[in-house]
Amino acid sequence: MFVVPAVRGRGVSKAILRALEAYLIAREIPCARLETGIRQPEAIGMYRRLGYLERGPFGRFTSDPLS
């Protein structure tokens, strides 16, 4: 997800993520896996604050030092 600089800090990313979570919960989807790069510290911080945990690659994905 990307929020333009002019509206950062207003909770847009958090609102988008909460809407996604509500969508998943309503459909009884128990797990969401997000991917971000190491050069997005703001995103990583937000995910951590919202209770997301870091983990390795999933499915067919291989380890990537930038992700």
PDB file of N, CA and C in Angstrom:
ATOM      1  N   MET A   1       0.854  -1.158   0.000  1.00  0.00           N
ATOM      2  CA  MET A   1       0.000   0.000   0.000  1.00  0.00           C
ATOM      3  C   MET A   1       0.897   1.216   0.000  1.00  0.00           C
ATOM      4  N   PHE A   2       0.438   2.267  -0.614  1.00  0.00           N
ATOM      5  CA  PHE A   2       1.206   3.505  -0.699  1.00  0.00           C
ATOM      6  C   PHE A   2       0.274   4.673  -0.432  1.00  0.00           C
ATOM      7  N   VAL A   3       0.703   5.548   0.454  1.00  0.00           N
ATOM      8  CA  VAL A   3      -0.070   6.755   0.749  1.00  0.00           C
ATOM      9  C   VAL A   3       0.792   7.946   0.337  1.00  0.00           C
ATOM     10  N   VAL A   4       0.226   8.829  -0.446  1.00  0.00           N
ATOM     11  CA  VAL A   4       0.984   9.988  -0.920  1.00  0.00           C
ATOM     12  C   VAL A   4       1.415  10.842   0.267  1.00  0.00           C
ATOM     13  N   PRO A   5       2.589  11.450   0.159  1.00  0.00           N
ATOM     14  CA  PRO A   5       3.127  12.225   1.283  1.00  0.00           C
ATOM     15  C   PRO A   5       2.178  13.282   1.841  1.00  0.00           C
ATOM     16  N   ALA A   6       1.371  13.909   1.007  1.00  0.00           N
ATOM     17  CA  ALA A   6       0.495  14.989   1.464  1.00  0.00           C
ATOM     18  C   ALA A   6      -0.527  14.545   2.513  1.00  0.00           C
ATOM     19  N   VAL A   7      -0.870  13.263   2.546  1.00  0.00           N
ATOM     20  CA  VAL A   7      -1.881  12.797   3.507  1.00  0.00           C
ATOM     21  C   VAL A   7      -1.341  11.762   4.489  1.00  0.00           C
ATOM     22  N   ARG A   8      -0.042  11.610   4.544  1.00  0.00           N
ATOM     23  CA  ARG A   8       0.538  10.673   5.516  1.00  0.00           C
ATOM     24  C   ARG A   8       0.334  11.197   6.928  1.00  0.00           C
ATOM     25  N   GLY A   9       0.267  10.268   7.867  1.00  0.00           N
ATOM     26  CA  GLY A   9       0.099  10.646   9.262  1.00  0.00           C
ATOM     27  C   GLY A   9      -1.341  10.916   9.660  1.00  0.00           C
ATOM     28  N   ARG A  10      -2.266  10.665   8.769  1.00  0.00           N
ATOM     29  CA  ARG A  10      -3.688  10.904   9.061  1.00  0.00           C
ATOM     30  C   ARG A  10      -4.472   9.616   9.294  1.00  0.00           C
ATOM     31  N   GLY A  11      -3.770   8.483   9.347  1.00  0.00           N
ATOM     32  CA  GLY A  11      -4.438   7.220   9.625  1.00  0.00           C
ATOM     33  C   GLY A  11      -5.005   6.508   8.413  1.00  0.00           C
ATOM     34  N   VAL A  12      -4.635   6.946   7.212  1.00  0.00           N
ATOM     35  CA  VAL A  12      -5.174   6.329   5.991  1.00  0.00           C
ATOM     36  C   VAL A  12      -4.735   4.871   5.890  1.00  0.00           C
ATOM     37  N   SER A  13      -3.453   4.593   6.075  1.00  0.00           N
ATOM     38  CA  SER A  13      -2.957   3.211   5.981  1.00  0.00           C
ATOM     39  C   SER A  13      -3.612   2.320   7.014  1.00  0.00           C
ATOM     40  N   LYS A  14      -3.717   2.834   8.237  1.00  0.00           N
ATOM     41  CA  LYS A  14      -4.337   2.057   9.306  1.00  0.00           C
ATOM     42  C   LYS A  14      -5.798   1.766   8.973  1.00  0.00           C
ATOM     43  N   ALA A  15      -6.507   2.730   8.438  1.00  0.00           N
ATOM     44  CA  ALA A  15      -7.909   2.532   8.071  1.00  0.00           C
ATOM     45  C   ALA A  15      -8.045   1.484   6.958  1.00  0.00           C
ATOM     46  N   ILE A  16      -7.158   1.535   5.983  1.00  0.00           N
ATOM     47  CA  ILE A  16      -7.187   0.541   4.900  1.00  0.00           C
ATOM     48  C   ILE A  16      -6.948  -0.850   5.465  1.00  0.00           C
ATOM     49  N   LEU A  17      -5.952  -0.976   6.343  1.00  0.00           N
ATOM     50  CA  LEU A  17      -5.639  -2.281   6.918  1.00  0.00           C
ATOM     51  C   LEU A  17      -6.784  -2.790   7.788  1.00  0.00           C
ATOM     52  N   ARG A  18      -7.385  -1.910   8.571  1.00  0.00           N
ATOM     53  CA  ARG A  18      -8.521  -2.324   9.407  1.00  0.00           C
ATOM     54  C   ARG A  18      -9.707  -2.758   8.544  1.00  0.00           C
ATOM     55  N   ALA A  19      -9.934  -2.079   7.426  1.00  0.00           N
ATOM     56  CA  ALA A  19     -11.013  -2.478   6.511  1.00  0.00           C
ATOM     57  C   ALA A  19     -10.724  -3.853   5.920  1.00  0.00           C
ATOM     58  N   LEU A  20      -9.468  -4.105   5.562  1.00  0.00           N
ATOM     59  CA  LEU A  20      -9.080  -5.421   5.044  1.00  0.00           C
ATOM     60  C   LEU A  20      -9.303  -6.490   6.105  1.00  0.00           C
ATOM     61  N   GLU A  21      -8.912  -6.202   7.339  1.00  0.00           N
ATOM     62  CA  GLU A  21      -9.117  -7.168   8.420  1.00  0.00           C
ATOM     63  C   GLU A  21     -10.601  -7.455   8.631  1.00  0.00           C
ATOM     64  N   ALA A  22     -11.427  -6.418   8.603  1.00  0.00           N
ATOM     65  CA  ALA A  22     -12.874  -6.616   8.770  1.00  0.00           C
ATOM     66  C   ALA A  22     -13.438  -7.479   7.653  1.00  0.00           C
ATOM     67  N   TYR A  23     -12.976  -7.245   6.440  1.00  0.00           N
ATOM     68  CA  TYR A  23     -13.396  -8.037   5.287  1.00  0.00           C
ATOM     69  C   TYR A  23     -13.052  -9.513   5.507  1.00  0.00           C
ATOM     70  N   LEU A  24     -11.827  -9.769   5.946  1.00  0.00           N
ATOM     71  CA  LEU A  24     -11.384 -11.153   6.164  1.00  0.00           C
ATOM     72  C   LEU A  24     -12.176 -11.811   7.291  1.00  0.00           C
ATOM     73  N   ILE A  25     -12.382 -11.086   8.371  1.00  0.00           N
ATOM     74  CA  ILE A  25     -13.133 -11.628   9.506  1.00  0.00           C
ATOM     75  C   ILE A  25     -14.565 -11.957   9.096  1.00  0.00           C
ATOM     76  N   ALA A  26     -15.190 -11.077   8.344  1.00  0.00           N
ATOM     77  CA  ALA A  26     -16.575 -11.307   7.903  1.00  0.00           C
ATOM     78  C   ALA A  26     -16.691 -12.559   7.043  1.00  0.00           C
ATOM     79  N   ARG A  27     -15.627 -12.924   6.377  1.00  0.00           N
ATOM     80  CA  ARG A  27     -15.628 -14.103   5.512  1.00  0.00           C
ATOM     81  C   ARG A  27     -14.962 -15.303   6.158  1.00  0.00           C
ATOM     82  N   GLU A  28     -14.684 -15.170   7.461  1.00  0.00           N
ATOM     83  CA  GLU A  28     -14.078 -16.238   8.253  1.00  0.00           C
ATOM     84  C   GLU A  28     -12.742 -16.704   7.680  1.00  0.00           C
ATOM     85  N   ILE A  29     -11.974 -15.763   7.170  1.00  0.00           N
ATOM     86  CA  ILE A  29     -10.616 -16.042   6.685  1.00  0.00           C
ATOM     87  C   ILE A  29      -9.686 -15.777   7.860  1.00  0.00           C
ATOM     88  N   PRO A  30      -9.032 -16.820   8.393  1.00  0.00           N
ATOM     89  CA  PRO A  30      -8.337 -16.691   9.670  1.00  0.00           C
ATOM     90  C   PRO A  30      -6.936 -16.077   9.634  1.00  0.00           C
ATOM     91  N   CYS A  31      -6.389 -15.882   8.451  1.00  0.00           N
ATOM     92  CA  CYS A  31      -4.985 -15.484   8.412  1.00  0.00           C
ATOM     93  C   CYS A  31      -4.730 -14.514   7.259  1.00  0.00           C
ATOM     94  N   ALA A  32      -3.973 -13.465   7.539  1.00  0.00           N
ATOM     95  CA  ALA A  32      -3.548 -12.535   6.491  1.00  0.00           C
ATOM     96  C   ALA A  32      -2.040 -12.436   6.556  1.00  0.00           C
ATOM     97  N   ARG A  33      -1.408 -12.494   5.418  1.00  0.00           N
ATOM     98  CA  ARG A  33       0.049 -12.350   5.360  1.00  0.00           C
ATOM     99  C   ARG A  33       0.366 -11.170   4.471  1.00  0.00           C
ATOM    100  N   LEU A  34       1.115 -10.253   5.022  1.00  0.00           N
ATOM    101  CA  LEU A  34       1.469  -9.030   4.311  1.00  0.00           C
ATOM    102  C   LEU A  34       2.943  -9.086   3.959  1.00  0.00           C
ATOM    103  N   GLU A  35       3.308  -8.416   2.909  1.00  0.00           N
ATOM    104  CA  GLU A  35       4.716  -8.361   2.537  1.00  0.00           C
ATOM    105  C   GLU A  35       5.125  -6.908   2.373  1.00  0.00           C
ATOM    106  N   THR A  36       6.282  -6.600   2.887  1.00  0.00           N
ATOM    107  CA  THR A  36       6.846  -5.269   2.700  1.00  0.00           C
ATOM    108  C   THR A  36       8.352  -5.409   2.585  1.00  0.00           C
ATOM    109  N   GLY A  37       8.967  -4.379   2.116  1.00  0.00           N
ATOM    110  CA  GLY A  37      10.413  -4.408   1.949  1.00  0.00           C
ATOM    111  C   GLY A  37      11.124  -3.791   3.136  1.00  0.00           C
ATOM    112  N   ILE A  38      12.406  -4.078   3.248  1.00  0.00           N
ATOM    113  CA  ILE A  38      13.195  -3.570   4.365  1.00  0.00           C
ATOM    114  C   ILE A  38      13.368  -2.057   4.304  1.00  0.00           C
ATOM    115  N   ARG A  39      13.094  -1.468   3.164  1.00  0.00           N
ATOM    116  CA  ARG A  39      13.253  -0.015   3.008  1.00  0.00           C
ATOM    117  C   ARG A  39      11.950   0.744   3.243  1.00  0.00           C
ATOM    118  N   GLN A  40      10.992   0.097   3.896  1.00  0.00           N
ATOM    119  CA  GLN A  40       9.731   0.742   4.270  1.00  0.00           C
ATOM    120  C   GLN A  40       9.573   0.679   5.795  1.00  0.00           C
ATOM    121  N   PRO A  41      10.463   1.352   6.536  1.00  0.00           N
ATOM    122  CA  PRO A  41      10.411   1.243   8.003  1.00  0.00           C
ATOM    123  C   PRO A  41       9.105   1.741   8.598  1.00  0.00           C
ATOM    124  N   GLU A  42       8.467   2.719   7.967  1.00  0.00           N
ATOM    125  CA  GLU A  42       7.190   3.208   8.493  1.00  0.00           C
ATOM    126  C   GLU A  42       6.130   2.118   8.417  1.00  0.00           C
ATOM    127  N   ALA A  43       6.092   1.404   7.291  1.00  0.00           N
ATOM    128  CA  ALA A  43       5.124   0.310   7.135  1.00  0.00           C
ATOM    129  C   ALA A  43       5.412  -0.800   8.133  1.00  0.00           C
ATOM    130  N   ILE A  44       6.669  -1.163   8.270  1.00  0.00           N
ATOM    131  CA  ILE A  44       7.044  -2.220   9.214  1.00  0.00           C
ATOM    132  C   ILE A  44       6.630  -1.824  10.621  1.00  0.00           C
ATOM    133  N   GLY A  45       6.873  -0.572  10.988  1.00  0.00           N
ATOM    134  CA  GLY A  45       6.484  -0.090  12.309  1.00  0.00           C
ATOM    135  C   GLY A  45       4.989  -0.146  12.530  1.00  0.00           C
ATOM    136  N   MET A  46       4.216   0.263  11.521  1.00  0.00           N
ATOM    137  CA  MET A  46       2.767   0.225  11.649  1.00  0.00           C
ATOM    138  C   MET A  46       2.282  -1.212  11.815  1.00  0.00           C
ATOM    139  N   TYR A  47       2.800  -2.115  11.000  1.00  0.00           N
ATOM    140  CA  TYR A  47       2.373  -3.511  11.112  1.00  0.00           C
ATOM    141  C   TYR A  47       2.686  -4.059  12.500  1.00  0.00           C
ATOM    142  N   ARG A  48       3.871  -3.740  13.015  1.00  0.00           N
ATOM    143  CA  ARG A  48       4.232  -4.202  14.363  1.00  0.00           C
ATOM    144  C   ARG A  48       3.281  -3.619  15.403  1.00  0.00           C
ATOM    145  N   ARG A  49       3.003  -2.318  15.321  1.00  0.00           N
ATOM    146  CA  ARG A  49       2.104  -1.676  16.290  1.00  0.00           C
ATOM    147  C   ARG A  49       0.711  -2.291  16.260  1.00  0.00           C
ATOM    148  N   LEU A  50       0.304  -2.763  15.099  1.00  0.00           N
ATOM    149  CA  LEU A  50      -1.031  -3.358  14.959  1.00  0.00           C
ATOM    150  C   LEU A  50      -1.046  -4.852  15.278  1.00  0.00           C
ATOM    151  N   GLY A  51       0.092  -5.374  15.727  1.00  0.00           N
ATOM    152  CA  GLY A  51       0.133  -6.759  16.195  1.00  0.00           C
ATOM    153  C   GLY A  51       0.618  -7.788  15.203  1.00  0.00           C
ATOM    154  N   TYR A  52       1.057  -7.360  14.029  1.00  0.00           N
ATOM    155  CA  TYR A  52       1.572  -8.311  13.052  1.00  0.00           C
ATOM    156  C   TYR A  52       2.972  -8.746  13.439  1.00  0.00           C
ATOM    157  N   LEU A  53       3.310  -9.978  13.112  1.00  0.00           N
ATOM    158  CA  LEU A  53       4.609 -10.555  13.438  1.00  0.00           C
ATOM    159  C   LEU A  53       5.393 -10.810  12.164  1.00  0.00           C
ATOM    160  N   GLU A  54       6.702 -10.687  12.285  1.00  0.00           N
ATOM    161  CA  GLU A  54       7.550 -11.008  11.132  1.00  0.00           C
ATOM    162  C   GLU A  54       7.714 -12.515  11.027  1.00  0.00           C
ATOM    163  N   ARG A  55       7.806 -12.971   9.791  1.00  0.00           N
ATOM    164  CA  ARG A  55       7.993 -14.398   9.524  1.00  0.00           C
ATOM    165  C   ARG A  55       8.735 -14.540   8.213  1.00  0.00           C
ATOM    166  N   GLY A  56       9.134 -15.729   7.911  1.00  0.00           N
ATOM    167  CA  GLY A  56       9.833 -15.979   6.661  1.00  0.00           C
ATOM    168  C   GLY A  56       8.872 -16.077   5.491  1.00  0.00           C
ATOM    169  N   PRO A  57       9.412 -16.384   4.322  1.00  0.00           N
ATOM    170  CA  PRO A  57       8.570 -16.495   3.129  1.00  0.00           C
ATOM    171  C   PRO A  57       7.537 -17.616   3.268  1.00  0.00           C
ATOM    172  N   PHE A  58       6.475 -17.500   2.523  1.00  0.00           N
ATOM    173  CA  PHE A  58       5.420 -18.508   2.566  1.00  0.00           C
ATOM    174  C   PHE A  58       5.122 -19.012   1.170  1.00  0.00           C
ATOM    175  N   GLY A  59       4.459 -20.136   1.115  1.00  0.00           N
ATOM    176  CA  GLY A  59       4.106 -20.708  -0.183  1.00  0.00           C
ATOM    177  C   GLY A  59       5.334 -21.002  -1.030  1.00  0.00           C
ATOM    178  N   ARG A  60       5.266 -20.634  -2.286  1.00  0.00           N
ATOM    179  CA  ARG A  60       6.365 -20.889  -3.221  1.00  0.00           C
ATOM    180  C   ARG A  60       7.442 -19.811  -3.198  1.00  0.00           C
ATOM    181  N   PHE A  61       7.239 -18.767  -2.370  1.00  0.00           N
ATOM    182  CA  PHE A  61       8.196 -17.679  -2.335  1.00  0.00           C
ATOM    183  C   PHE A  61       9.508 -18.115  -1.702  1.00  0.00           C
ATOM    184  N   THR A  62      10.590 -17.573  -2.180  1.00  0.00           N
ATOM    185  CA  THR A  62      11.911 -17.854  -1.607  1.00  0.00           C
ATOM    186  C   THR A  62      12.357 -16.655  -0.798  1.00  0.00           C
ATOM    187  N   SER A  63      13.335 -16.867   0.037  1.00  0.00           N
ATOM    188  CA  SER A  63      13.850 -15.792   0.874  1.00  0.00           C
ATOM    189  C   SER A  63      14.446 -14.693   0.008  1.00  0.00           C
ATOM    190  N   ASP A  64      14.161 -13.450   0.387  1.00  0.00           N
ATOM    191  CA  ASP A  64      14.671 -12.289  -0.329  1.00  0.00           C
ATOM    192  C   ASP A  64      15.208 -11.305   0.692  1.00  0.00           C
ATOM    193  N   PRO A  65      16.477 -10.943   0.616  1.00  0.00           N
ATOM    194  CA  PRO A  65      17.048 -10.046   1.640  1.00  0.00           C
ATOM    195  C   PRO A  65      16.415  -8.665   1.655  1.00  0.00           C
ATOM    196  N   LEU A  66      15.690  -8.287   0.625  1.00  0.00           N
ATOM    197  CA  LEU A  66      15.065  -6.972   0.586  1.00  0.00           C
ATOM    198  C   LEU A  66      13.605  -6.992   1.003  1.00  0.00           C
ATOM    199  N   SER A  67      13.098  -8.182   1.347  1.00  0.00           N
ATOM    200  CA  SER A  67      11.685  -8.309   1.685  1.00  0.00           C
ATOM    201  C   SER A  67      11.528  -9.011   3.034  1.00  0.00           C
TER     202      SER A  67
END
